[in-house]
N, C-alpha and C. Protein backbone atom coordinates (compact mmCIF):
# COMPACT_ATOMS: atom_id res chain seq x y z
N VAL A 1 0.84 -1.18 0.00
CA VAL A 1 0.00 0.00 0.00
C VAL A 1 0.88 1.24 0.00
N ALA A 2 1.94 1.22 0.78
CA ALA A 2 2.84 2.37 0.81
C ALA A 2 3.50 2.57 -0.55
N HIS A 3 3.86 1.48 -1.23
CA HIS A 3 4.44 1.57 -2.57
C HIS A 3 3.46 2.21 -3.55
N ILE A 4 2.20 1.79 -3.49
CA ILE A 4 1.18 2.36 -4.38
C ILE A 4 1.00 3.84 -4.11
N CYS A 5 0.96 4.23 -2.85
CA CYS A 5 0.73 5.63 -2.49
C CYS A 5 1.90 6.54 -2.87
N ARG A 6 3.11 6.02 -2.76
CA ARG A 6 4.28 6.88 -2.91
C ARG A 6 4.97 6.77 -4.26
N ASP A 7 4.94 5.59 -4.90
CA ASP A 7 5.75 5.38 -6.10
C ASP A 7 4.95 5.29 -7.39
N VAL A 8 3.69 4.94 -7.34
CA VAL A 8 2.87 4.78 -8.54
C VAL A 8 2.20 6.12 -8.84
N ASN A 9 2.18 6.49 -10.14
CA ASN A 9 1.51 7.73 -10.53
C ASN A 9 0.04 7.68 -10.12
N TYR A 10 -0.38 8.70 -9.41
CA TYR A 10 -1.75 8.82 -8.89
C TYR A 10 -2.14 7.64 -8.00
N GLY A 11 -1.16 7.00 -7.40
CA GLY A 11 -1.43 5.90 -6.48
C GLY A 11 -2.19 6.37 -5.25
N TRP A 12 -1.89 7.58 -4.80
CA TRP A 12 -2.61 8.15 -3.66
C TRP A 12 -4.10 8.27 -3.97
N LEU A 13 -4.43 8.61 -5.23
CA LEU A 13 -5.83 8.73 -5.61
C LEU A 13 -6.50 7.36 -5.64
N ILE A 14 -5.79 6.37 -6.15
CA ILE A 14 -6.33 5.00 -6.18
C ILE A 14 -6.61 4.52 -4.76
N ARG A 15 -5.65 4.75 -3.86
CA ARG A 15 -5.81 4.31 -2.47
C ARG A 15 -6.97 5.04 -1.79
N ASN A 16 -7.06 6.37 -2.00
CA ASN A 16 -8.14 7.13 -1.37
C ASN A 16 -9.50 6.74 -1.93
N MET A 17 -9.59 6.51 -3.25
CA MET A 17 -10.86 6.08 -3.84
C MET A 17 -11.26 4.71 -3.30
N HIS A 18 -10.29 3.81 -3.16
CA HIS A 18 -10.58 2.46 -2.68
C HIS A 18 -11.00 2.48 -1.21
N ALA A 19 -10.26 3.19 -0.38
CA ALA A 19 -10.56 3.22 1.06
C ALA A 19 -11.89 3.94 1.33
N ASN A 20 -12.08 5.11 0.73
CA ASN A 20 -13.33 5.84 0.94
C ASN A 20 -14.49 5.16 0.23
N GLY A 21 -14.21 4.50 -0.89
CA GLY A 21 -15.25 3.74 -1.59
C GLY A 21 -15.79 2.61 -0.73
N ALA A 22 -14.92 2.00 0.06
CA ALA A 22 -15.37 0.94 0.97
C ALA A 22 -16.33 1.51 2.01
N SER A 23 -16.02 2.70 2.53
CA SER A 23 -16.93 3.33 3.49
C SER A 23 -18.26 3.68 2.84
N PHE A 24 -18.21 4.19 1.61
CA PHE A 24 -19.45 4.49 0.88
C PHE A 24 -20.25 3.22 0.64
N PHE A 25 -19.54 2.14 0.32
CA PHE A 25 -20.20 0.85 0.06
C PHE A 25 -20.96 0.38 1.31
N PHE A 26 -20.34 0.54 2.48
CA PHE A 26 -21.01 0.14 3.72
C PHE A 26 -22.20 1.04 4.02
N ILE A 27 -22.11 2.33 3.68
CA ILE A 27 -23.27 3.21 3.85
C ILE A 27 -24.43 2.69 3.00
N CYS A 28 -24.13 2.30 1.76
CA CYS A 28 -25.18 1.76 0.87
C CYS A 28 -25.72 0.43 1.40
N ILE A 29 -24.85 -0.41 1.94
CA ILE A 29 -25.29 -1.69 2.49
C ILE A 29 -26.23 -1.47 3.68
N TYR A 30 -25.86 -0.55 4.58
CA TYR A 30 -26.72 -0.31 5.75
C TYR A 30 -28.05 0.31 5.33
N ALA A 31 -28.05 1.16 4.29
CA ALA A 31 -29.31 1.70 3.77
C ALA A 31 -30.16 0.57 3.18
N HIS A 32 -29.51 -0.39 2.52
CA HIS A 32 -30.22 -1.53 1.94
C HIS A 32 -30.83 -2.40 3.05
N ILE A 33 -30.09 -2.60 4.13
CA ILE A 33 -30.61 -3.39 5.26
C ILE A 33 -31.79 -2.65 5.91
N ALA A 34 -31.66 -1.34 6.08
CA ALA A 34 -32.76 -0.56 6.68
C ALA A 34 -34.01 -0.64 5.80
N ARG A 35 -33.83 -0.57 4.48
CA ARG A 35 -34.96 -0.70 3.58
C ARG A 35 -35.59 -2.07 3.70
N GLY A 36 -34.75 -3.10 3.81
CA GLY A 36 -35.26 -4.46 3.96
C GLY A 36 -36.02 -4.65 5.25
N LEU A 37 -35.56 -4.03 6.33
CA LEU A 37 -36.28 -4.11 7.60
C LEU A 37 -37.61 -3.37 7.52
N TYR A 38 -37.61 -2.22 6.87
CA TYR A 38 -38.84 -1.43 6.74
C TYR A 38 -39.87 -2.16 5.89
N TYR A 39 -39.43 -2.78 4.81
CA TYR A 39 -40.35 -3.47 3.91
C TYR A 39 -40.72 -4.87 4.39
N GLY A 40 -40.10 -5.34 5.44
CA GLY A 40 -40.41 -6.68 5.94
C GLY A 40 -39.79 -7.78 5.09
N SER A 41 -38.67 -7.49 4.45
CA SER A 41 -38.03 -8.49 3.60
C SER A 41 -37.47 -9.66 4.38
N TYR A 42 -37.32 -9.50 5.70
CA TYR A 42 -36.81 -10.59 6.53
C TYR A 42 -37.78 -11.76 6.59
N LEU A 43 -39.00 -11.57 6.13
CA LEU A 43 -39.97 -12.66 6.10
C LEU A 43 -39.61 -13.71 5.05
N TYR A 44 -38.89 -13.30 4.03
CA TYR A 44 -38.39 -14.25 3.02
C TYR A 44 -37.03 -14.76 3.51
N MET A 45 -37.08 -15.84 4.28
CA MET A 45 -35.91 -16.29 5.04
C MET A 45 -34.71 -16.62 4.18
N GLU A 46 -34.92 -17.30 3.04
CA GLU A 46 -33.78 -17.70 2.23
C GLU A 46 -33.03 -16.48 1.70
N THR A 47 -33.78 -15.53 1.14
CA THR A 47 -33.16 -14.33 0.59
C THR A 47 -32.49 -13.53 1.70
N TRP A 48 -33.15 -13.41 2.85
CA TRP A 48 -32.60 -12.64 3.97
C TRP A 48 -31.33 -13.30 4.50
N ASN A 49 -31.35 -14.62 4.68
CA ASN A 49 -30.17 -15.31 5.22
C ASN A 49 -28.98 -15.23 4.28
N ILE A 50 -29.23 -15.31 2.98
CA ILE A 50 -28.13 -15.15 2.03
C ILE A 50 -27.59 -13.72 2.11
N GLY A 51 -28.49 -12.75 2.34
CA GLY A 51 -28.04 -11.38 2.53
C GLY A 51 -27.17 -11.22 3.77
N VAL A 52 -27.51 -11.93 4.84
CA VAL A 52 -26.69 -11.89 6.05
C VAL A 52 -25.31 -12.50 5.78
N VAL A 53 -25.28 -13.60 5.03
CA VAL A 53 -23.99 -14.20 4.65
C VAL A 53 -23.19 -13.21 3.82
N LEU A 54 -23.85 -12.51 2.90
CA LEU A 54 -23.17 -11.48 2.11
C LEU A 54 -22.59 -10.38 3.00
N LEU A 55 -23.36 -9.93 3.98
CA LEU A 55 -22.88 -8.90 4.90
C LEU A 55 -21.63 -9.38 5.63
N LEU A 56 -21.64 -10.61 6.12
CA LEU A 56 -20.47 -11.14 6.84
C LEU A 56 -19.26 -11.25 5.91
N LEU A 57 -19.48 -11.69 4.67
CA LEU A 57 -18.37 -11.78 3.72
C LEU A 57 -17.79 -10.41 3.40
N VAL A 58 -18.66 -9.41 3.23
CA VAL A 58 -18.18 -8.06 2.94
C VAL A 58 -17.43 -7.50 4.15
N MET A 59 -17.90 -7.81 5.36
CA MET A 59 -17.20 -7.34 6.56
C MET A 59 -15.82 -8.00 6.67
N MET A 60 -15.74 -9.29 6.34
CA MET A 60 -14.43 -9.97 6.37
C MET A 60 -13.49 -9.36 5.34
N THR A 61 -14.01 -9.07 4.15
CA THR A 61 -13.19 -8.46 3.11
C THR A 61 -12.69 -7.09 3.55
N ALA A 62 -13.56 -6.30 4.16
CA ALA A 62 -13.17 -4.98 4.65
C ALA A 62 -12.13 -5.10 5.76
N PHE A 63 -12.29 -6.08 6.63
CA PHE A 63 -11.32 -6.25 7.72
C PHE A 63 -9.94 -6.59 7.19
N VAL A 64 -9.86 -7.58 6.29
CA VAL A 64 -8.53 -7.95 5.79
C VAL A 64 -7.95 -6.82 4.94
N GLY A 65 -8.80 -6.02 4.30
CA GLY A 65 -8.30 -4.86 3.57
C GLY A 65 -7.82 -3.76 4.50
N TYR A 66 -8.45 -3.62 5.65
CA TYR A 66 -8.07 -2.62 6.63
C TYR A 66 -6.68 -2.90 7.20
N VAL A 67 -6.30 -4.16 7.21
CA VAL A 67 -4.99 -4.54 7.76
C VAL A 67 -3.86 -4.19 6.78
N LEU A 68 -4.16 -4.12 5.49
CA LEU A 68 -3.11 -4.00 4.48
C LEU A 68 -2.24 -2.75 4.56
N PRO A 69 -2.72 -1.58 4.98
CA PRO A 69 -1.80 -0.43 5.09
C PRO A 69 -0.69 -0.64 6.12
N TRP A 70 -0.89 -1.56 7.05
CA TRP A 70 0.11 -1.98 8.03
C TRP A 70 0.55 -0.84 8.94
N GLY A 71 -0.43 0.01 9.32
CA GLY A 71 -0.17 1.04 10.32
C GLY A 71 -0.43 0.46 11.70
N GLN A 72 -0.39 1.32 12.70
CA GLN A 72 -0.61 0.86 14.07
C GLN A 72 -2.01 0.30 14.27
N MET A 73 -3.03 1.00 13.72
CA MET A 73 -4.40 0.51 13.86
C MET A 73 -4.58 -0.81 13.12
N SER A 74 -3.91 -0.96 11.98
CA SER A 74 -3.99 -2.21 11.22
C SER A 74 -3.40 -3.37 12.01
N PHE A 75 -2.19 -3.15 12.54
CA PHE A 75 -1.50 -4.21 13.27
C PHE A 75 -2.31 -4.64 14.49
N TRP A 76 -2.73 -3.68 15.29
CA TRP A 76 -3.43 -4.04 16.52
C TRP A 76 -4.84 -4.52 16.24
N GLY A 77 -5.45 -4.02 15.18
CA GLY A 77 -6.76 -4.54 14.78
C GLY A 77 -6.66 -6.00 14.39
N ALA A 78 -5.62 -6.34 13.61
CA ALA A 78 -5.42 -7.74 13.21
C ALA A 78 -5.12 -8.61 14.42
N THR A 79 -4.32 -8.10 15.34
CA THR A 79 -3.97 -8.87 16.53
C THR A 79 -5.21 -9.15 17.39
N VAL A 80 -5.98 -8.12 17.67
CA VAL A 80 -7.13 -8.27 18.57
C VAL A 80 -8.22 -9.12 17.93
N ILE A 81 -8.58 -8.82 16.69
CA ILE A 81 -9.70 -9.52 16.06
C ILE A 81 -9.36 -10.99 15.81
N THR A 82 -8.15 -11.27 15.34
CA THR A 82 -7.81 -12.68 15.11
C THR A 82 -7.66 -13.44 16.43
N ASN A 83 -7.25 -12.76 17.49
CA ASN A 83 -7.16 -13.43 18.79
C ASN A 83 -8.52 -13.81 19.34
N LEU A 84 -9.59 -13.18 18.86
CA LEU A 84 -10.93 -13.57 19.29
C LEU A 84 -11.22 -15.02 18.89
N LEU A 85 -10.60 -15.48 17.81
CA LEU A 85 -10.82 -16.86 17.37
C LEU A 85 -10.22 -17.87 18.34
N SER A 86 -9.29 -17.43 19.19
CA SER A 86 -8.69 -18.37 20.14
C SER A 86 -9.69 -18.80 21.21
N ALA A 87 -10.84 -18.15 21.29
CA ALA A 87 -11.87 -18.55 22.25
C ALA A 87 -12.64 -19.78 21.78
N ILE A 88 -12.45 -20.19 20.53
CA ILE A 88 -13.11 -21.39 20.03
C ILE A 88 -12.49 -22.60 20.72
N PRO A 89 -13.29 -23.45 21.34
CA PRO A 89 -12.73 -24.59 22.07
C PRO A 89 -11.95 -25.54 21.15
N TYR A 90 -10.89 -26.08 21.66
CA TYR A 90 -10.06 -27.13 21.06
C TYR A 90 -9.22 -26.65 19.88
N VAL A 91 -9.78 -25.94 18.93
CA VAL A 91 -9.04 -25.60 17.71
C VAL A 91 -8.70 -24.12 17.62
N GLY A 92 -9.11 -23.31 18.60
CA GLY A 92 -8.94 -21.87 18.52
C GLY A 92 -7.51 -21.41 18.33
N ASN A 93 -6.60 -21.89 19.17
CA ASN A 93 -5.20 -21.45 19.09
C ASN A 93 -4.55 -21.88 17.78
N GLU A 94 -4.83 -23.10 17.34
CA GLU A 94 -4.26 -23.57 16.07
C GLU A 94 -4.81 -22.77 14.90
N LEU A 95 -6.09 -22.41 14.97
CA LEU A 95 -6.71 -21.62 13.91
C LEU A 95 -6.08 -20.23 13.83
N VAL A 96 -5.84 -19.62 14.98
CA VAL A 96 -5.21 -18.30 15.02
C VAL A 96 -3.80 -18.38 14.43
N GLN A 97 -3.02 -19.39 14.82
CA GLN A 97 -1.67 -19.53 14.28
C GLN A 97 -1.69 -19.82 12.79
N TRP A 98 -2.69 -20.54 12.31
CA TRP A 98 -2.80 -20.80 10.88
C TRP A 98 -3.10 -19.51 10.12
N ILE A 99 -4.00 -18.68 10.67
CA ILE A 99 -4.33 -17.41 10.02
C ILE A 99 -3.13 -16.48 10.05
N TRP A 100 -2.41 -16.44 11.16
CA TRP A 100 -1.23 -15.60 11.26
C TRP A 100 -0.08 -16.09 10.39
N GLY A 101 0.01 -17.37 10.16
CA GLY A 101 1.15 -17.92 9.46
C GLY A 101 2.37 -18.02 10.35
N GLY A 102 2.17 -18.05 11.64
CA GLY A 102 3.26 -18.11 12.61
C GLY A 102 2.69 -17.93 14.00
N PHE A 103 3.55 -17.42 14.91
CA PHE A 103 3.13 -17.27 16.30
C PHE A 103 2.72 -15.85 16.65
N SER A 104 2.80 -14.93 15.69
CA SER A 104 2.35 -13.56 15.91
C SER A 104 1.98 -12.95 14.56
N VAL A 105 1.34 -11.79 14.61
CA VAL A 105 1.00 -11.07 13.38
C VAL A 105 2.30 -10.57 12.77
N ASP A 106 2.55 -10.97 11.52
CA ASP A 106 3.83 -10.68 10.88
C ASP A 106 3.61 -10.55 9.37
N ASN A 107 4.69 -10.58 8.60
CA ASN A 107 4.60 -10.47 7.15
C ASN A 107 3.78 -11.59 6.53
N ALA A 108 3.84 -12.78 7.10
CA ALA A 108 3.04 -13.89 6.58
C ALA A 108 1.55 -13.58 6.72
N THR A 109 1.18 -12.93 7.81
CA THR A 109 -0.22 -12.53 8.01
C THR A 109 -0.64 -11.53 6.95
N LEU A 110 0.23 -10.58 6.68
CA LEU A 110 -0.06 -9.56 5.68
C LEU A 110 -0.25 -10.19 4.30
N THR A 111 0.60 -11.15 3.95
CA THR A 111 0.48 -11.84 2.67
C THR A 111 -0.82 -12.61 2.58
N ARG A 112 -1.17 -13.30 3.64
CA ARG A 112 -2.44 -14.06 3.65
C ARG A 112 -3.64 -13.12 3.55
N PHE A 113 -3.59 -12.02 4.27
CA PHE A 113 -4.72 -11.09 4.23
C PHE A 113 -4.83 -10.44 2.85
N PHE A 114 -3.71 -10.19 2.20
CA PHE A 114 -3.77 -9.66 0.84
C PHE A 114 -4.43 -10.66 -0.10
N ALA A 115 -4.07 -11.94 0.04
CA ALA A 115 -4.70 -12.97 -0.79
C ALA A 115 -6.20 -13.07 -0.50
N PHE A 116 -6.57 -13.03 0.78
CA PHE A 116 -8.00 -13.07 1.13
C PHE A 116 -8.74 -11.85 0.57
N HIS A 117 -8.10 -10.68 0.65
CA HIS A 117 -8.72 -9.45 0.16
C HIS A 117 -8.94 -9.51 -1.35
N PHE A 118 -8.09 -10.23 -2.04
CA PHE A 118 -8.25 -10.41 -3.49
C PHE A 118 -9.29 -11.46 -3.82
N LEU A 119 -9.33 -12.57 -3.06
CA LEU A 119 -10.21 -13.69 -3.40
C LEU A 119 -11.64 -13.53 -2.91
N PHE A 120 -11.84 -12.89 -1.76
CA PHE A 120 -13.20 -12.76 -1.21
C PHE A 120 -14.20 -12.09 -2.16
N PRO A 121 -13.81 -11.06 -2.94
CA PRO A 121 -14.80 -10.47 -3.85
C PRO A 121 -15.36 -11.45 -4.88
N PHE A 122 -14.59 -12.44 -5.28
CA PHE A 122 -15.12 -13.44 -6.21
C PHE A 122 -16.18 -14.31 -5.52
N VAL A 123 -15.92 -14.64 -4.27
CA VAL A 123 -16.92 -15.39 -3.49
C VAL A 123 -18.17 -14.53 -3.30
N ILE A 124 -17.96 -13.24 -3.01
CA ILE A 124 -19.08 -12.32 -2.82
C ILE A 124 -19.90 -12.21 -4.10
N ALA A 125 -19.24 -12.16 -5.25
CA ALA A 125 -19.97 -12.08 -6.52
C ALA A 125 -20.86 -13.31 -6.72
N GLY A 126 -20.33 -14.49 -6.40
CA GLY A 126 -21.13 -15.71 -6.52
C GLY A 126 -22.32 -15.73 -5.59
N VAL A 127 -22.10 -15.32 -4.34
CA VAL A 127 -23.20 -15.30 -3.37
C VAL A 127 -24.21 -14.21 -3.73
N THR A 128 -23.75 -13.11 -4.33
CA THR A 128 -24.67 -12.06 -4.78
C THR A 128 -25.59 -12.59 -5.87
N ILE A 129 -25.05 -13.37 -6.80
CA ILE A 129 -25.88 -13.97 -7.84
C ILE A 129 -26.92 -14.89 -7.21
N LEU A 130 -26.51 -15.66 -6.22
CA LEU A 130 -27.45 -16.53 -5.50
C LEU A 130 -28.53 -15.69 -4.80
N HIS A 131 -28.13 -14.59 -4.19
CA HIS A 131 -29.07 -13.68 -3.52
C HIS A 131 -30.08 -13.13 -4.53
N LEU A 132 -29.61 -12.74 -5.70
CA LEU A 132 -30.51 -12.20 -6.72
C LEU A 132 -31.44 -13.28 -7.27
N LEU A 133 -30.94 -14.51 -7.39
CA LEU A 133 -31.80 -15.60 -7.85
C LEU A 133 -32.94 -15.85 -6.86
N PHE A 134 -32.62 -15.87 -5.57
CA PHE A 134 -33.67 -16.04 -4.56
C PHE A 134 -34.63 -14.85 -4.56
N LEU A 135 -34.10 -13.64 -4.75
CA LEU A 135 -34.95 -12.46 -4.81
C LEU A 135 -35.88 -12.53 -6.02
N HIS A 136 -35.37 -12.98 -7.14
CA HIS A 136 -36.19 -13.13 -8.34
C HIS A 136 -37.29 -14.17 -8.12
N GLU A 137 -36.97 -15.20 -7.35
CA GLU A 137 -37.94 -16.27 -7.07
C GLU A 137 -39.07 -15.78 -6.16
N THR A 138 -38.70 -15.03 -5.11
CA THR A 138 -39.71 -14.59 -4.14
C THR A 138 -40.37 -13.28 -4.54
N GLY A 139 -39.69 -12.45 -5.31
CA GLY A 139 -40.22 -11.14 -5.66
C GLY A 139 -39.89 -10.12 -4.59
N SER A 140 -39.93 -8.85 -4.96
CA SER A 140 -39.63 -7.81 -3.99
C SER A 140 -40.87 -7.50 -3.17
N ASN A 141 -40.71 -6.63 -2.19
CA ASN A 141 -41.75 -6.43 -1.19
C ASN A 141 -42.04 -4.94 -1.06
N ASN A 142 -43.23 -4.58 -0.61
CA ASN A 142 -43.52 -3.19 -0.26
C ASN A 142 -44.21 -3.16 1.10
N PRO A 143 -44.08 -2.04 1.83
CA PRO A 143 -44.61 -2.01 3.20
C PRO A 143 -46.13 -2.04 3.28
N ALA A 144 -46.82 -1.61 2.22
CA ALA A 144 -48.28 -1.60 2.26
C ALA A 144 -48.87 -2.98 2.04
N GLY A 145 -48.10 -3.87 1.40
CA GLY A 145 -48.57 -5.22 1.14
C GLY A 145 -49.60 -5.29 0.03
N LEU A 146 -49.69 -4.23 -0.78
CA LEU A 146 -50.66 -4.18 -1.86
C LEU A 146 -50.05 -4.67 -3.16
N ASN A 147 -50.86 -5.24 -4.02
CA ASN A 147 -50.41 -5.66 -5.34
C ASN A 147 -50.43 -4.44 -6.25
N SER A 148 -49.28 -4.09 -6.78
CA SER A 148 -49.19 -2.87 -7.57
C SER A 148 -48.89 -3.16 -9.03
N ASP A 149 -49.41 -4.26 -9.57
CA ASP A 149 -49.14 -4.60 -10.96
C ASP A 149 -49.65 -3.53 -11.92
N ALA A 150 -50.75 -2.89 -11.59
CA ALA A 150 -51.32 -1.88 -12.48
C ALA A 150 -50.48 -0.61 -12.52
N ASP A 151 -49.69 -0.37 -11.48
CA ASP A 151 -48.90 0.86 -11.41
C ASP A 151 -47.49 0.70 -11.94
N LYS A 152 -47.14 -0.44 -12.49
CA LYS A 152 -45.77 -0.68 -12.92
C LYS A 152 -45.44 0.16 -14.16
N ILE A 153 -44.18 0.64 -14.18
CA ILE A 153 -43.68 1.36 -15.34
C ILE A 153 -42.41 0.67 -15.81
N ALA A 154 -42.01 0.97 -17.03
CA ALA A 154 -40.84 0.32 -17.61
C ALA A 154 -39.57 0.74 -16.88
N PHE A 155 -38.63 -0.21 -16.75
CA PHE A 155 -37.37 0.08 -16.08
C PHE A 155 -36.58 1.12 -16.86
N HIS A 156 -36.51 0.91 -18.18
CA HIS A 156 -35.79 1.87 -19.02
C HIS A 156 -36.82 2.67 -19.80
N PRO A 157 -36.78 3.93 -19.82
CA PRO A 157 -35.71 4.84 -19.40
C PRO A 157 -35.88 5.41 -17.99
N TYR A 158 -37.01 5.19 -17.34
CA TYR A 158 -37.31 5.91 -16.10
C TYR A 158 -36.34 5.57 -14.97
N PHE A 159 -36.26 4.31 -14.61
CA PHE A 159 -35.40 3.93 -13.48
C PHE A 159 -33.93 3.95 -13.85
N SER A 160 -33.60 3.65 -15.09
CA SER A 160 -32.18 3.66 -15.47
C SER A 160 -31.62 5.08 -15.40
N TYR A 161 -32.39 6.09 -15.80
CA TYR A 161 -31.92 7.48 -15.68
C TYR A 161 -31.84 7.90 -14.21
N LYS A 162 -32.80 7.48 -13.42
CA LYS A 162 -32.78 7.80 -11.98
C LYS A 162 -31.55 7.16 -11.32
N ASP A 163 -31.28 5.90 -11.65
CA ASP A 163 -30.11 5.22 -11.09
C ASP A 163 -28.82 5.85 -11.58
N LEU A 164 -28.77 6.27 -12.84
CA LEU A 164 -27.58 6.92 -13.38
C LEU A 164 -27.32 8.24 -12.66
N LEU A 165 -28.37 8.99 -12.37
CA LEU A 165 -28.21 10.24 -11.63
C LEU A 165 -27.70 9.97 -10.21
N GLY A 166 -28.27 9.00 -9.52
CA GLY A 166 -27.80 8.66 -8.18
C GLY A 166 -26.36 8.19 -8.17
N PHE A 167 -25.98 7.37 -9.16
CA PHE A 167 -24.60 6.89 -9.27
C PHE A 167 -23.65 8.06 -9.50
N THR A 168 -24.04 9.00 -10.36
CA THR A 168 -23.19 10.15 -10.66
C THR A 168 -22.99 11.02 -9.43
N VAL A 169 -24.04 11.26 -8.67
CA VAL A 169 -23.92 12.07 -7.45
C VAL A 169 -23.00 11.39 -6.44
N LYS A 170 -23.16 10.08 -6.26
CA LYS A 170 -22.30 9.36 -5.31
C LYS A 170 -20.84 9.33 -5.79
N LEU A 171 -20.63 9.18 -7.10
CA LEU A 171 -19.28 9.17 -7.64
C LEU A 171 -18.62 10.54 -7.47
N LEU A 172 -19.36 11.61 -7.69
CA LEU A 172 -18.81 12.95 -7.47
C LEU A 172 -18.46 13.17 -6.00
N ALA A 173 -19.30 12.72 -5.10
CA ALA A 173 -19.00 12.86 -3.67
C ALA A 173 -17.76 12.05 -3.30
N LEU A 174 -17.64 10.83 -3.81
CA LEU A 174 -16.48 10.00 -3.53
C LEU A 174 -15.21 10.61 -4.10
N THR A 175 -15.28 11.11 -5.33
CA THR A 175 -14.11 11.72 -5.96
C THR A 175 -13.69 12.97 -5.19
N SER A 176 -14.65 13.78 -4.77
CA SER A 176 -14.32 14.97 -3.99
C SER A 176 -13.66 14.59 -2.67
N LEU A 177 -14.16 13.56 -2.04
CA LEU A 177 -13.59 13.10 -0.78
C LEU A 177 -12.17 12.56 -0.98
N ALA A 178 -11.92 11.93 -2.13
CA ALA A 178 -10.60 11.36 -2.40
C ALA A 178 -9.59 12.41 -2.84
N LEU A 179 -10.05 13.46 -3.52
CA LEU A 179 -9.12 14.46 -4.06
C LEU A 179 -8.65 15.46 -3.01
N PHE A 180 -9.48 15.77 -2.06
CA PHE A 180 -9.09 16.73 -1.04
C PHE A 180 -8.36 16.01 0.08
N PRO A 181 -7.37 16.66 0.70
CA PRO A 181 -6.53 15.96 1.67
C PRO A 181 -7.18 15.71 3.02
N LEU A 182 -8.50 15.66 3.07
CA LEU A 182 -9.18 15.35 4.32
C LEU A 182 -9.21 13.84 4.53
N ASN A 183 -9.03 13.44 5.76
CA ASN A 183 -9.10 12.02 6.09
C ASN A 183 -10.33 11.78 6.95
N LEU A 184 -11.50 12.10 6.39
CA LEU A 184 -12.73 12.07 7.18
C LEU A 184 -13.17 10.66 7.54
N LEU A 185 -13.04 9.71 6.60
CA LEU A 185 -13.56 8.37 6.83
C LEU A 185 -12.49 7.38 7.29
N GLY A 186 -11.27 7.83 7.45
CA GLY A 186 -10.19 6.94 7.84
C GLY A 186 -9.67 7.28 9.23
N ASP A 187 -8.68 6.53 9.66
CA ASP A 187 -8.08 6.73 10.97
C ASP A 187 -6.69 7.34 10.76
N PRO A 188 -6.38 8.49 11.38
CA PRO A 188 -5.08 9.10 11.17
C PRO A 188 -3.91 8.23 11.63
N ASP A 189 -4.13 7.34 12.59
CA ASP A 189 -3.05 6.46 13.03
C ASP A 189 -2.72 5.40 12.00
N ASN A 190 -3.58 5.22 11.02
CA ASN A 190 -3.38 4.19 10.02
C ASN A 190 -2.97 4.79 8.68
N PHE A 191 -2.67 6.07 8.64
CA PHE A 191 -2.36 6.74 7.38
C PHE A 191 -0.94 6.43 6.95
N THR A 192 -0.78 6.10 5.66
CA THR A 192 0.58 5.84 5.15
C THR A 192 0.99 6.93 4.20
């Protein structure tokens, strides 16, 4: 991460877009969960449970990505969170040492977390397809519980333009956050 920020042309921009983009992504995920709770989507257990699995996978991906800058917060975050696994009876300590690649958080841990950070998005993409298949099977939900087939409008151009506008506004906000030297969504102790 330090090499990308310091030696690659516009590497600082790539790092800021990636780090702040992860925070934006979690904002969108929490808004999606709130919408699902409001609409009662938790009643469709299969779709909801796959969504929970997706949330856990995204959180794991964010955690291993958070360790990669290798600052003080990264090191101690990796140490504390991985040590929580040692509470698992019988296999906890061996599991922690396997994740660390040794007896403490070290370069082997960083290499493993980099590999996990690269591979988890492919798993997330597969589970997302499964989530969408279950959603397509059950159908979406509304809080009134009314059948609104008569009120349906075409996706294109109405919703596609609305989504394009929302995407553009979010991209402009993310780019502004990445271009200015403010570290609003990050931790100053973890800055490289």
